[in-house]
N, C-alpha and C. Protein backbone atom coordinates (compact mmCIF):
# COMPACT_ATOMS: atom_id res chain seq x y z
N MET A 1 1.01 -1.12 0.30
CA MET A 1 0.09 -0.32 -0.09
C MET A 1 0.74 1.48 -0.28
N SER A 2 0.61 2.11 -1.02
CA SER A 2 1.80 3.64 -0.80
C SER A 2 0.38 4.73 -0.10
N LEU A 3 1.25 5.36 0.07
CA LEU A 3 1.04 6.11 0.69
C LEU A 3 1.49 7.56 -0.15
N HIS A 4 0.14 8.48 -0.48
CA HIS A 4 0.21 9.88 -1.22
C HIS A 4 0.04 10.61 0.00
N ALA A 5 0.74 12.12 -0.69
CA ALA A 5 0.78 13.33 0.38
C ALA A 5 -0.43 13.45 0.13
N PRO A 6 -1.33 14.19 1.50
CA PRO A 6 -2.65 15.11 1.00
C PRO A 6 -2.75 15.89 0.45
N LYS A 7 -3.60 16.07 -0.57
CA LYS A 7 -3.71 17.16 -1.24
C LYS A 7 -5.33 17.77 -1.61
N CYS A 8 -5.58 19.08 -1.91
CA CYS A 8 -6.35 20.08 -1.95
C CYS A 8 -6.98 19.60 -3.15
N ASP A 9 -8.66 19.10 -3.25
CA ASP A 9 -9.25 18.67 -4.40
C ASP A 9 -9.57 19.73 -5.22
N PRO A 10 -9.83 20.98 -5.38
CA PRO A 10 -10.19 21.90 -6.18
C PRO A 10 -8.64 21.97 -6.76
N CYS A 11 -7.54 22.42 -6.67
CA CYS A 11 -6.72 22.76 -7.33
C CYS A 11 -5.58 21.69 -7.31
N SER A 12 -5.93 20.70 -7.21
CA SER A 12 -4.63 19.33 -7.20
C SER A 12 -3.43 19.27 -5.98
N LYS A 13 -3.21 20.18 -5.41
CA LYS A 13 -2.10 20.92 -5.43
C LYS A 13 -1.74 20.20 -3.73
N LYS A 14 -0.56 19.60 -3.71
CA LYS A 14 -0.34 18.83 -2.21
C LYS A 14 -0.18 19.89 -1.12
N PHE A 15 -0.58 19.40 0.39
CA PHE A 15 -1.21 20.41 0.96
C PHE A 15 0.31 20.61 1.56
N THR A 16 0.88 22.09 2.07
CA THR A 16 2.17 22.19 2.29
C THR A 16 2.24 22.72 4.16
N LYS A 17 3.69 22.92 4.41
CA LYS A 17 3.57 23.60 6.02
C LYS A 17 3.51 25.27 5.36
N ASP A 18 3.58 25.62 4.21
CA ASP A 18 3.59 26.93 3.60
C ASP A 18 3.04 27.73 2.92
N PRO A 19 2.07 29.09 3.62
CA PRO A 19 1.16 29.33 2.33
C PRO A 19 1.72 29.00 1.10
N PRO A 20 0.89 29.00 -0.30
CA PRO A 20 -0.75 29.09 0.05
C PRO A 20 -1.31 27.87 -0.12
N THR A 21 -0.57 27.14 0.38
CA THR A 21 -0.91 24.94 0.47
C THR A 21 -1.34 25.14 2.11
N ILE A 22 -1.06 25.83 2.56
CA ILE A 22 -1.60 25.28 4.09
C ILE A 22 -3.02 24.75 4.49
N PRO A 23 -3.04 23.54 5.07
CA PRO A 23 -4.72 22.52 4.92
C PRO A 23 -5.50 23.82 6.06
N LEU A 24 -6.71 24.45 5.14
CA LEU A 24 -7.46 25.15 6.86
C LEU A 24 -8.72 24.33 6.76
N ILE A 25 -9.64 24.86 7.87
CA ILE A 25 -10.66 23.72 7.93
C ILE A 25 -11.87 24.69 7.68
N LEU A 26 -12.66 24.99 6.55
CA LEU A 26 -13.74 25.47 6.49
C LEU A 26 -14.80 25.31 7.97
N GLY A 27 -16.33 26.03 8.39
CA GLY A 27 -16.85 25.81 8.89
C GLY A 27 -17.43 24.58 8.92
N CYS A 28 -17.81 23.58 7.67
CA CYS A 28 -18.55 22.79 7.85
C CYS A 28 -17.53 21.91 8.08
N GLY A 29 -16.29 22.04 8.08
CA GLY A 29 -15.29 20.67 8.85
C GLY A 29 -14.49 19.96 7.29
N HIS A 30 -14.51 20.73 6.42
CA HIS A 30 -13.83 19.84 4.89
C HIS A 30 -12.61 21.31 4.59
N THR A 31 -11.60 20.68 4.33
CA THR A 31 -10.08 21.61 4.08
C THR A 31 -10.10 21.44 2.66
N TYR A 32 -9.49 22.44 2.94
CA TYR A 32 -9.17 23.06 1.33
C TYR A 32 -7.65 23.91 1.81
N CYS A 33 -6.75 24.25 0.51
CA CYS A 33 -5.37 24.99 0.79
C CYS A 33 -5.78 26.70 0.72
N GLU A 34 -4.97 27.06 1.30
CA GLU A 34 -5.52 28.63 1.85
C GLU A 34 -5.31 29.03 0.33
N GLY A 35 -4.67 28.74 -0.47
CA GLY A 35 -4.69 29.37 -1.79
C GLY A 35 -6.35 29.32 -2.48
N CYS A 36 -6.80 28.61 -2.11
CA CYS A 36 -8.36 27.66 -2.85
C CYS A 36 -9.03 28.99 -2.26
N ILE A 37 -8.89 28.76 -0.71
CA ILE A 37 -9.98 29.75 0.05
C ILE A 37 -9.54 31.49 -0.22
N THR A 38 -8.55 31.64 -0.85
CA THR A 38 -8.28 33.32 -0.71
C THR A 38 -8.86 33.59 -2.45
N LYS A 39 -8.72 32.70 -3.19
CA LYS A 39 -9.48 32.37 -4.79
C LYS A 39 -10.42 32.82 -4.78
N TRP A 40 -11.43 31.70 -3.48
CA TRP A 40 -13.01 32.02 -3.70
C TRP A 40 -13.30 33.61 -2.92
N CYS A 41 -12.56 33.97 -2.05
CA CYS A 41 -12.83 35.12 -1.45
C CYS A 41 -13.19 36.47 -2.19
N ARG A 42 -11.83 36.06 -2.83
CA ARG A 42 -11.68 37.54 -4.10
C ARG A 42 -12.80 37.48 -5.30
N LEU A 43 -12.99 36.16 -5.75
CA LEU A 43 -13.96 36.08 -6.76
C LEU A 43 -15.31 36.62 -6.10
N ILE A 44 -16.31 36.19 -4.62
CA ILE A 44 -17.35 36.58 -4.54
C ILE A 44 -17.45 38.11 -4.02
N ARG A 45 -16.07 38.61 -4.07
CA ARG A 45 -15.87 39.70 -3.04
C ARG A 45 -16.24 40.69 -1.98
N ASN A 46 -17.57 41.39 -2.65
CA ASN A 46 -18.56 41.99 -1.54
C ASN A 46 -19.28 41.13 -0.37
N SER A 47 -19.69 39.71 -0.92
CA SER A 47 -20.30 39.10 0.06
C SER A 47 -20.48 38.35 1.12
N GLY A 48 -19.06 37.81 1.03
CA GLY A 48 -18.17 37.51 2.29
C GLY A 48 -18.82 36.08 2.34
N ASN A 49 -19.63 35.21 1.63
CA ASN A 49 -20.36 33.96 1.99
C ASN A 49 -19.41 33.24 0.64
N ILE A 50 -18.87 32.55 1.07
CA ILE A 50 -18.20 31.33 0.12
C ILE A 50 -19.51 29.56 0.43
N SER A 51 -18.94 29.09 -0.40
CA SER A 51 -19.51 27.75 -0.52
C SER A 51 -18.70 26.96 -0.55
N CYS A 52 -18.56 26.00 0.21
CA CYS A 52 -17.98 24.54 0.49
C CYS A 52 -18.78 23.71 -0.80
N PRO A 53 -16.80 23.79 -1.94
CA PRO A 53 -17.69 22.77 -3.25
C PRO A 53 -17.58 21.28 -3.00
N GLU A 54 -17.85 21.02 -1.41
CA GLU A 54 -18.14 19.35 -1.21
C GLU A 54 -19.53 19.57 -0.72
N CYS A 55 -19.53 20.15 0.15
CA CYS A 55 -20.92 19.91 0.90
C CYS A 55 -21.93 21.12 0.71
N SER A 56 -21.38 22.63 -0.05
CA SER A 56 -22.37 23.41 0.02
C SER A 56 -22.96 24.63 0.37
N GLU A 57 -22.06 24.19 1.86
CA GLU A 57 -22.48 24.70 3.29
C GLU A 57 -21.94 26.37 3.12
N ARG A 58 -22.51 27.46 3.64
CA ARG A 58 -21.93 28.97 3.52
C ARG A 58 -21.40 29.34 4.80
N GLN A 59 -20.04 30.08 4.26
CA GLN A 59 -19.54 30.27 5.37
C GLN A 59 -19.00 31.74 5.05
N TYR A 60 -19.42 32.79 6.19
CA TYR A 60 -19.04 33.84 6.22
C TYR A 60 -17.83 34.22 6.11
N ILE A 61 -16.92 34.64 5.48
CA ILE A 61 -15.14 35.17 5.50
C ILE A 61 -15.61 36.76 5.24
N ASP A 62 -15.22 37.79 5.95
CA ASP A 62 -15.64 39.07 5.24
C ASP A 62 -14.09 39.76 4.82
N SER A 63 -13.50 39.04 5.01
CA SER A 63 -12.25 39.31 4.23
C SER A 63 -11.04 38.60 4.22
N LEU A 64 -9.98 38.72 3.80
CA LEU A 64 -8.60 37.90 3.37
C LEU A 64 -8.24 37.68 4.52
N LYS A 65 -7.91 38.96 5.52
CA LYS A 65 -7.59 38.91 6.78
C LYS A 65 -8.29 37.10 7.88
N SER A 66 -9.53 37.42 7.59
CA SER A 66 -10.71 36.40 8.17
C SER A 66 -9.59 35.06 8.21
N ILE A 67 -9.53 34.65 6.88
CA ILE A 67 -8.97 33.47 6.31
C ILE A 67 -8.16 33.32 7.06
N LYS A 68 -6.43 34.29 7.80
CA LYS A 68 -6.13 33.87 8.64
C LYS A 68 -6.47 33.50 10.44
N GLN A 69 -7.86 33.49 10.29
CA GLN A 69 -8.28 32.91 11.29
C GLN A 69 -9.09 31.66 11.55
N LEU A 70 -9.30 31.53 10.28
CA LEU A 70 -9.67 29.84 10.06
C LEU A 70 -8.77 28.81 10.76
N GLN A 71 -8.55 28.09 11.12
CA GLN A 71 -7.72 26.62 11.76
C GLN A 71 -7.09 25.66 10.59
N ILE A 72 -6.03 26.06 10.60
CA ILE A 72 -5.55 24.64 10.06
C ILE A 72 -5.43 23.28 10.27
N ASN A 73 -5.82 22.42 9.59
CA ASN A 73 -6.19 21.17 9.87
C ASN A 73 -5.14 20.39 10.74
N SER A 74 -4.51 20.11 11.68
CA SER A 74 -3.97 19.79 12.23
C SER A 74 -3.23 18.17 12.04
N HIS A 75 -4.30 17.88 11.59
CA HIS A 75 -4.08 16.10 11.66
C HIS A 75 -3.37 16.28 9.68
N ILE A 76 -3.78 16.65 8.77
CA ILE A 76 -2.86 16.70 8.00
C ILE A 76 -1.52 18.01 7.90
N TYR A 77 -1.31 18.73 8.77
CA TYR A 77 -0.68 19.29 8.83
C TYR A 77 0.32 18.17 9.87
N GLY A 78 -0.28 17.38 10.68
CA GLY A 78 0.70 16.48 11.39
C GLY A 78 1.44 15.52 10.47
N ILE A 79 0.65 15.24 9.22
CA ILE A 79 0.77 14.04 8.40
C ILE A 79 2.45 15.24 7.32
N ILE A 80 2.00 16.22 6.83
CA ILE A 80 2.87 16.43 5.99
C ILE A 80 3.92 16.98 6.91
N ALA A 81 4.34 17.68 8.28
CA ALA A 81 5.49 18.08 8.64
C ALA A 81 6.11 17.04 9.29
N ALA A 82 5.42 15.66 9.46
CA ALA A 82 6.44 14.89 9.76
C ALA A 82 7.52 13.92 8.90
N PRO A 83 8.87 13.86 9.20
CA PRO A 83 9.65 13.38 7.94
C PRO A 83 9.27 11.99 7.68
N SER A 84 9.82 12.26 6.89
CA SER A 84 9.03 10.71 5.75
C SER A 84 10.42 9.81 6.08
N ARG A 85 9.40 8.34 5.94
CA ARG A 85 10.51 7.52 6.26
C ARG A 85 12.10 7.47 5.56
N ASN A 86 11.90 7.79 3.76
CA ASN A 86 12.83 8.10 3.32
C ASN A 86 13.60 8.76 4.07
N THR A 87 13.12 10.40 4.83
CA THR A 87 13.82 11.11 5.48
C THR A 87 14.61 10.60 5.94
N GLU A 88 13.84 10.03 7.07
CA GLU A 88 14.60 9.24 8.59
C GLU A 88 15.55 8.30 7.91
N ASN A 89 15.72 7.69 7.02
CA ASN A 89 16.29 6.69 6.64
C ASN A 89 17.60 7.63 5.89
N ALA A 90 17.58 8.60 5.07
CA ALA A 90 18.58 9.32 4.56
C ALA A 90 19.64 9.57 6.11
N ILE A 91 18.46 10.41 6.90
CA ILE A 91 19.46 10.80 8.25
C ILE A 91 20.41 9.76 8.81
N ASP A 92 19.24 8.70 8.82
CA ASP A 92 19.90 7.48 9.80
C ASP A 92 21.80 7.16 8.73
N ASN A 93 21.60 6.65 7.80
CA ASN A 93 22.59 6.47 6.76
C ASN A 93 23.55 7.82 6.83
N LYS A 94 22.92 9.32 7.15
CA LYS A 94 24.17 10.14 7.27
C LYS A 94 24.64 9.99 8.44
N VAL A 95 24.10 9.74 9.30
CA VAL A 95 25.57 9.63 10.56
C VAL A 95 26.23 8.33 10.91
N GLN A 96 25.35 7.31 10.11
CA GLN A 96 26.29 6.03 9.74
C GLN A 96 27.82 6.07 9.40
N ASP A 97 27.63 7.33 8.42
CA ASP A 97 28.53 7.54 7.68
C ASP A 97 29.55 8.22 8.27
N LEU A 98 28.49 9.00 8.70
CA LEU A 98 29.93 9.99 9.89
C LEU A 98 30.67 9.49 11.05
N THR A 99 29.29 8.35 11.75
CA THR A 99 30.32 7.71 12.44
C THR A 99 31.28 7.15 11.88
N ASN A 100 31.77 6.05 11.35
CA ASN A 100 32.04 5.54 10.30
C ASN A 100 33.77 6.35 10.16
N LYS A 101 33.18 7.81 9.59
CA LYS A 101 34.36 8.15 8.85
C LYS A 101 35.75 8.56 10.34
N LEU A 102 34.66 9.32 11.38
CA LEU A 102 35.20 9.45 13.17
C LEU A 102 36.16 8.30 13.17
N ASN A 103 35.04 6.82 13.26
CA ASN A 103 36.14 5.84 13.48
C ASN A 103 37.20 5.68 12.76
N GLU A 104 37.40 5.75 11.79
CA GLU A 104 38.96 5.55 10.59
C GLU A 104 39.21 6.82 10.86
N ILE A 105 39.07 8.05 12.02
CA ILE A 105 39.74 9.13 11.98
C ILE A 105 40.60 8.42 12.91
N ALA A 106 40.04 8.15 14.00
CA ALA A 106 40.15 7.58 15.37
C ALA A 106 41.56 6.71 14.99
N MET A 107 41.56 5.64 14.04
CA MET A 107 41.88 4.56 14.23
C MET A 107 43.02 5.16 13.52
N THR A 108 43.23 5.76 12.47
CA THR A 108 44.80 6.22 11.88
C THR A 108 45.09 7.10 12.76
N GLN A 109 44.42 8.57 13.76
CA GLN A 109 45.17 8.89 14.34
C GLN A 109 45.71 7.68 15.43
N ALA A 110 45.09 6.72 15.79
CA ALA A 110 46.15 6.33 17.13
C ALA A 110 47.07 5.48 16.67
N THR A 111 46.95 4.92 14.97
CA THR A 111 48.09 3.79 14.64
C THR A 111 49.36 4.88 14.65
N GLU A 112 49.48 6.62 13.83
CA GLU A 112 49.92 7.46 13.87
C GLU A 112 50.58 7.41 15.43
N ASN A 113 49.89 7.27 16.27
CA ASN A 113 50.25 7.48 17.26
C ASN A 113 51.37 6.90 18.04
N VAL A 114 50.74 5.51 17.59
CA VAL A 114 51.97 4.31 17.75
C VAL A 114 52.77 4.46 17.47
N GLU A 115 52.87 4.51 15.74
CA GLU A 115 54.44 4.06 14.99
C GLU A 115 55.36 5.56 15.77
N GLU A 116 54.47 6.83 16.22
CA GLU A 116 55.20 8.07 16.80
C GLU A 116 56.32 7.51 18.09
N GLU A 117 55.54 6.97 18.69
CA GLU A 117 55.98 6.04 20.31
C GLU A 117 57.15 5.17 19.42
N GLU A 118 57.18 4.11 18.93
CA GLU A 118 57.46 3.42 18.37
C GLU A 118 59.02 4.09 17.93
N GLU A 119 58.93 4.95 16.86
CA GLU A 119 60.37 5.54 16.36
C GLU A 119 61.08 6.61 17.57
N SER A 120 60.47 6.97 18.68
CA SER A 120 61.11 7.83 19.56
C SER A 120 61.62 6.88 20.53
N GLU A 121 60.94 5.73 21.02
CA GLU A 121 61.79 4.74 21.95
C GLU A 121 63.09 4.22 20.98
N GLY A 122 62.84 3.91 19.55
CA GLY A 122 64.12 3.31 18.75
C GLY A 122 65.20 4.54 19.16
N ASP A 123 65.09 5.80 19.65
CA ASP A 123 66.31 6.91 19.90
C ASP A 123 66.65 6.95 20.87
N CYS A 124 66.00 6.19 21.75
CA CYS A 124 66.89 6.00 23.08
C CYS A 124 67.91 4.72 22.77
């Protein structure tokens, strides 16, 4: 089973943590990106009543400032904010690579120290 990033149905853009694709919840409970809601508000201009494309419930949004007062869908936001498994694996691999390099440097340094000690003992 493959997982897909949640997206806004009207524009098909993936939700993100940044404007204009932040997932916002309308009063009816349906979620759309900030960009789509902004676009709808601009289209209706003075009336302030937008209709949910899914259920047609009307919601009053009196200005573009009101959009900022809509709640972020925390469930979707949590999904998009969490690192993916690929990201976690890449981080684990990078940490392992760095650990291996540090161990290699430590072993090289230890070997050089032993060789220097042996050389200095031979000078006596």
